[in-house]
Amino acid sequence: MAHHEIVPDAMRSALLWTWQRYQLPLLVSENGISLRKEMDEQLRYAYYSAFLRALVSSINDFKVNVIGYCVWSLIDNFEWSEGYNSKFGIAAVDYENGSLHRSLKYSTDFWLSLAEKRSVPLVEIPTSPSASSHFSSNKLVSVLFVALHVLVFQIWH
């Protein structure tokens, strides 16, 4: 899996391109960040803040019709290329001991704050060199999932 910096403009670019091209309601799915279990969960917190702020500004500034947003993913799961090593969820699952115990991660506070205040919490992106080089965010994935959902809407209408 490639490693990149957090690039919230990828969300805005994908939304604007898709909206301008198809003029159909958009549903963003599977937007998230993969972290190894030893990585700082603050990165996930910052990722969601940056990407949702880009989404909201796309709606407000360009009138993009976004009808939904789905996080990638609710719980940690099995990834074909990474097994259980990549952690995508906002809830942890204990696969190592086989108990499958679920527990909320630090980044869950982001979603609770968003619901309580009804605004996207501002979280600064960590600036340490080790932080930006140890997480993955794939611009192409954002574009593909937005485009895929637009095509699904086209088929239904």
C-alpha atoms as a PDB file:
ATOM      1  CA  MET A   1       0.000   0.000   0.000  1.00  0.00           C
ATOM      2  CA  ALA A   2       1.411   3.393  -0.974  1.00  0.00           C
ATOM      3  CA  HIS A   3       2.083   6.044   1.645  1.00  0.00           C
ATOM      4  CA  HIS A   4       0.978   9.607   1.059  1.00  0.00           C
ATOM      5  CA  GLU A   5       0.285  12.779   2.967  1.00  0.00           C
ATOM      6  CA  ILE A   6      -3.265  13.720   3.933  1.00  0.00           C
ATOM      7  CA  VAL A   7      -4.598  15.406   0.785  1.00  0.00           C
ATOM      8  CA  PRO A   8      -8.098  16.771   1.415  1.00  0.00           C
ATOM      9  CA  ASP A   9      -8.077  18.480  -1.977  1.00  0.00           C
ATOM     10  CA  ALA A  10      -8.496  14.973  -3.386  1.00  0.00           C
ATOM     11  CA  MET A  11     -12.008  14.946  -1.913  1.00  0.00           C
ATOM     12  CA  ARG A  12     -12.832  18.367  -3.312  1.00  0.00           C
ATOM     13  CA  SER A  13     -11.389  17.544  -6.748  1.00  0.00           C
ATOM     14  CA  ALA A  14     -13.262  14.245  -6.948  1.00  0.00           C
ATOM     15  CA  LEU A  15     -16.546  15.801  -5.874  1.00  0.00           C
ATOM     16  CA  LEU A  16     -16.255  18.789  -8.199  1.00  0.00           C
ATOM     17  CA  TRP A  17     -15.221  16.741 -11.205  1.00  0.00           C
ATOM     18  CA  THR A  18     -18.003  14.213 -10.688  1.00  0.00           C
ATOM     19  CA  TRP A  19     -20.652  16.844  -9.932  1.00  0.00           C
ATOM     20  CA  GLN A  20     -19.729  18.990 -12.948  1.00  0.00           C
ATOM     21  CA  ARG A  21     -19.636  15.971 -15.241  1.00  0.00           C
ATOM     22  CA  TYR A  22     -22.850  14.182 -14.184  1.00  0.00           C
ATOM     23  CA  GLN A  23     -24.983  16.640 -12.171  1.00  0.00           C
ATOM     24  CA  LEU A  24     -26.339  13.778 -10.069  1.00  0.00           C
ATOM     25  CA  PRO A  25     -26.551  13.406  -6.266  1.00  0.00           C
ATOM     26  CA  LEU A  26     -23.301  12.042  -4.837  1.00  0.00           C
ATOM     27  CA  LEU A  27     -22.778   9.442  -2.136  1.00  0.00           C
ATOM     28  CA  VAL A  28     -19.243   9.197  -0.777  1.00  0.00           C
ATOM     29  CA  SER A  29     -18.462   5.742   0.529  1.00  0.00           C
ATOM     30  CA  GLU A  30     -15.434   4.046   2.000  1.00  0.00           C
ATOM     31  CA  ASN A  31     -13.526   7.221   2.719  1.00  0.00           C
ATOM     32  CA  GLY A  32     -10.943   6.648   5.400  1.00  0.00           C
ATOM     33  CA  ILE A  33      -7.365   5.965   6.301  1.00  0.00           C
ATOM     34  CA  SER A  34      -5.441   2.780   6.979  1.00  0.00           C
ATOM     35  CA  LEU A  35      -3.140   2.812   9.989  1.00  0.00           C
ATOM     36  CA  ARG A  36      -0.872   0.066  11.275  1.00  0.00           C
ATOM     37  CA  LYS A  37      -1.632  -0.873  14.864  1.00  0.00           C
ATOM     38  CA  GLU A  38       1.508   0.879  16.161  1.00  0.00           C
ATOM     39  CA  MET A  39       0.563   4.229  14.553  1.00  0.00           C
ATOM     40  CA  ASP A  40      -0.924   7.247  16.274  1.00  0.00           C
ATOM     41  CA  GLU A  41      -4.731   7.299  16.091  1.00  0.00           C
ATOM     42  CA  GLN A  42      -4.518  11.121  16.008  1.00  0.00           C
ATOM     43  CA  LEU A  43      -3.786  10.732  12.278  1.00  0.00           C
ATOM     44  CA  ARG A  44      -7.234   9.219  11.690  1.00  0.00           C
ATOM     45  CA  TYR A  45      -8.791  12.059  13.684  1.00  0.00           C
ATOM     46  CA  ALA A  46      -6.932  14.641  11.542  1.00  0.00           C
ATOM     47  CA  TYR A  47      -7.766  12.778   8.318  1.00  0.00           C
ATOM     48  CA  TYR A  48     -11.521  12.859   8.941  1.00  0.00           C
ATOM     49  CA  SER A  49     -11.379  16.507   9.946  1.00  0.00           C
ATOM     50  CA  ALA A  50      -9.505  17.500   6.780  1.00  0.00           C
ATOM     51  CA  PHE A  51     -11.593  15.421   4.375  1.00  0.00           C
ATOM     52  CA  LEU A  52     -14.964  16.346   5.846  1.00  0.00           C
ATOM     53  CA  ARG A  53     -14.020  20.025   5.822  1.00  0.00           C
ATOM     54  CA  ALA A  54     -13.221  19.645   2.104  1.00  0.00           C
ATOM     55  CA  LEU A  55     -16.564  17.904   1.576  1.00  0.00           C
ATOM     56  CA  VAL A  56     -18.510  20.611   3.423  1.00  0.00           C
ATOM     57  CA  SER A  57     -16.718  23.405   1.564  1.00  0.00           C
ATOM     58  CA  SER A  58     -17.541  21.669  -1.752  1.00  0.00           C
ATOM     59  CA  ILE A  59     -21.206  21.648  -0.770  1.00  0.00           C
ATOM     60  CA  ASN A  60     -21.205  25.271   0.442  1.00  0.00           C
ATOM     61  CA  ASP A  61     -18.915  26.866  -2.139  1.00  0.00           C
ATOM     62  CA  PHE A  62     -19.886  24.936  -5.264  1.00  0.00           C
ATOM     63  CA  LYS A  63     -23.378  23.619  -4.429  1.00  0.00           C
ATOM     64  CA  VAL A  64     -22.299  20.007  -4.920  1.00  0.00           C
ATOM     65  CA  ASN A  65     -25.255  17.773  -4.007  1.00  0.00           C
ATOM     66  CA  VAL A  66     -23.781  15.250  -1.558  1.00  0.00           C
ATOM     67  CA  ILE A  67     -26.508  13.049  -0.095  1.00  0.00           C
ATOM     68  CA  GLY A  68     -24.363  10.822   2.092  1.00  0.00           C
ATOM     69  CA  TYR A  69     -20.957   9.996   3.501  1.00  0.00           C
ATOM     70  CA  CYS A  70     -19.781   6.610   4.758  1.00  0.00           C
ATOM     71  CA  VAL A  71     -16.636   6.119   6.781  1.00  0.00           C
ATOM     72  CA  TRP A  72     -14.166   3.364   5.819  1.00  0.00           C
ATOM     73  CA  SER A  73     -14.960   1.467   8.021  1.00  0.00           C
ATOM     74  CA  LEU A  74     -17.001   1.032  11.176  1.00  0.00           C
ATOM     75  CA  ILE A  75     -14.790  -1.770  12.523  1.00  0.00           C
ATOM     76  CA  ASP A  76     -11.342  -3.095  11.743  1.00  0.00           C
ATOM     77  CA  ASN A  77     -11.590  -5.860   9.179  1.00  0.00           C
ATOM     78  CA  PHE A  78      -9.599  -8.203   6.971  1.00  0.00           C
ATOM     79  CA  GLU A  79      -7.904  -6.590   3.984  1.00  0.00           C
ATOM     80  CA  TRP A  80      -6.728  -8.888   1.197  1.00  0.00           C
ATOM     81  CA  SER A  81      -3.309  -7.270   0.798  1.00  0.00           C
ATOM     82  CA  GLU A  82      -2.658  -6.526   4.484  1.00  0.00           C
ATOM     83  CA  GLY A  83      -4.582  -9.166   6.451  1.00  0.00           C
ATOM     84  CA  TYR A  84      -5.469  -7.804   9.895  1.00  0.00           C
ATOM     85  CA  ASN A  85      -2.434  -5.467  10.017  1.00  0.00           C
ATOM     86  CA  SER A  86      -4.164  -2.423   8.502  1.00  0.00           C
ATOM     87  CA  LYS A  87      -6.659  -0.764  10.790  1.00  0.00           C
ATOM     88  CA  PHE A  88      -9.428   1.103   8.980  1.00  0.00           C
ATOM     89  CA  GLY A  89     -12.161   1.087  11.586  1.00  0.00           C
ATOM     90  CA  ILE A  90     -13.302   3.648  14.089  1.00  0.00           C
ATOM     91  CA  ALA A  91     -13.817   0.680  16.416  1.00  0.00           C
ATOM     92  CA  ALA A  92     -11.042  -1.820  17.133  1.00  0.00           C
ATOM     93  CA  VAL A  93     -11.612  -5.580  16.963  1.00  0.00           C
ATOM     94  CA  ASP A  94      -9.360  -7.985  18.887  1.00  0.00           C
ATOM     95  CA  TYR A  95      -8.459 -10.520  16.216  1.00  0.00           C
ATOM     96  CA  GLU A  96      -5.141 -11.479  17.829  1.00  0.00           C
ATOM     97  CA  ASN A  97      -6.633 -13.174  20.884  1.00  0.00           C
ATOM     98  CA  GLY A  98      -9.656 -14.476  19.016  1.00  0.00           C
ATOM     99  CA  SER A  99     -12.113 -12.793  21.392  1.00  0.00           C
ATOM    100  CA  LEU A 100     -13.328 -10.366  18.689  1.00  0.00           C
ATOM    101  CA  HIS A 101     -13.871  -7.838  21.511  1.00  0.00           C
ATOM    102  CA  ARG A 102     -14.763  -4.436  20.111  1.00  0.00           C
ATOM    103  CA  SER A 103     -13.630  -1.157  21.609  1.00  0.00           C
ATOM    104  CA  LEU A 104     -13.938   2.432  20.488  1.00  0.00           C
ATOM    105  CA  LYS A 105     -10.799   4.151  19.250  1.00  0.00           C
ATOM    106  CA  TYR A 106      -9.657   7.670  20.060  1.00  0.00           C
ATOM    107  CA  SER A 107     -10.950   8.911  16.690  1.00  0.00           C
ATOM    108  CA  THR A 108     -14.497   8.017  17.773  1.00  0.00           C
ATOM    109  CA  ASP A 109     -14.400  11.273  19.753  1.00  0.00           C
ATOM    110  CA  PHE A 110     -14.289  13.077  16.394  1.00  0.00           C
ATOM    111  CA  TRP A 111     -17.675  11.631  15.385  1.00  0.00           C
ATOM    112  CA  LEU A 112     -19.199  12.256  18.814  1.00  0.00           C
ATOM    113  CA  SER A 113     -18.052  15.880  18.688  1.00  0.00           C
ATOM    114  CA  LEU A 114     -19.388  16.260  15.146  1.00  0.00           C
ATOM    115  CA  ALA A 115     -22.809  14.963  16.227  1.00  0.00           C
ATOM    116  CA  GLU A 116     -22.908  17.065  19.384  1.00  0.00           C
ATOM    117  CA  LYS A 117     -21.755  20.376  17.864  1.00  0.00           C
ATOM    118  CA  ARG A 118     -23.154  19.817  14.354  1.00  0.00           C
ATOM    119  CA  SER A 119     -19.923  21.101  12.829  1.00  0.00           C
ATOM    120  CA  VAL A 120     -16.718  19.432  11.695  1.00  0.00           C
ATOM    121  CA  PRO A 121     -14.115  19.574  14.473  1.00  0.00           C
ATOM    122  CA  LEU A 122     -10.918  21.315  13.422  1.00  0.00           C
ATOM    123  CA  VAL A 123      -7.983  18.972  13.987  1.00  0.00           C
ATOM    124  CA  GLU A 124      -4.520  19.987  12.887  1.00  0.00           C
ATOM    125  CA  ILE A 125      -2.659  17.506  10.709  1.00  0.00           C
ATOM    126  CA  PRO A 126       0.401  16.262  12.634  1.00  0.00           C
ATOM    127  CA  THR A 127       3.568  17.816  11.249  1.00  0.00           C
ATOM    128  CA  SER A 128       6.186  15.376  12.503  1.00  0.00           C
ATOM    129  CA  PRO A 129       8.082  13.657   9.659  1.00  0.00           C
ATOM    130  CA  SER A 130       7.338  10.213  11.071  1.00  0.00           C
ATOM    131  CA  ALA A 131       3.614  10.927  11.227  1.00  0.00           C
ATOM    132  CA  SER A 132       3.222  11.966   7.596  1.00  0.00           C
ATOM    133  CA  SER A 133       5.250   9.074   6.248  1.00  0.00           C
ATOM    134  CA  HIS A 134       3.483   6.273   8.077  1.00  0.00           C
ATOM    135  CA  PHE A 135      -0.108   6.441   6.942  1.00  0.00           C
ATOM    136  CA  SER A 136      -1.883   5.905   3.679  1.00  0.00           C
ATOM    137  CA  SER A 137      -4.488   7.950   1.899  1.00  0.00           C
ATOM    138  CA  ASN A 138      -5.184   7.158  -1.704  1.00  0.00           C
ATOM    139  CA  LYS A 139      -6.441   9.998  -3.909  1.00  0.00           C
ATOM    140  CA  LEU A 140      -7.478   7.579  -6.619  1.00  0.00           C
ATOM    141  CA  VAL A 141      -9.674   5.609  -4.214  1.00  0.00           C
ATOM    142  CA  SER A 142     -11.657   8.762  -3.377  1.00  0.00           C
ATOM    143  CA  VAL A 143     -12.165   9.571  -7.051  1.00  0.00           C
ATOM    144  CA  LEU A 144     -13.144   6.021  -7.975  1.00  0.00           C
ATOM    145  CA  PHE A 145     -15.696   5.585  -5.200  1.00  0.00           C
ATOM    146  CA  VAL A 146     -17.355   8.919  -5.912  1.00  0.00           C
ATOM    147  CA  ALA A 147     -17.479   8.123  -9.636  1.00  0.00           C
ATOM    148  CA  LEU A 148     -18.797   4.616  -8.964  1.00  0.00           C
ATOM    149  CA  HIS A 149     -21.697   5.914  -6.909  1.00  0.00           C
ATOM    150  CA  VAL A 150     -22.554   8.496  -9.529  1.00  0.00           C
ATOM    151  CA  LEU A 151     -22.741   5.714 -12.107  1.00  0.00           C
ATOM    152  CA  VAL A 152     -25.014   3.712  -9.821  1.00  0.00           C
ATOM    153  CA  PHE A 153     -27.324   6.723  -9.512  1.00  0.00           C
ATOM    154  CA  GLN A 154     -27.306   7.088 -13.293  1.00  0.00           C
ATOM    155  CA  ILE A 155     -28.446   3.498 -13.711  1.00  0.00           C
ATOM    156  CA  TRP A 156     -31.264   3.906 -11.170  1.00  0.00           C
ATOM    157  CA  HIS A 157     -32.627   7.100 -12.726  1.00  0.00           C
END
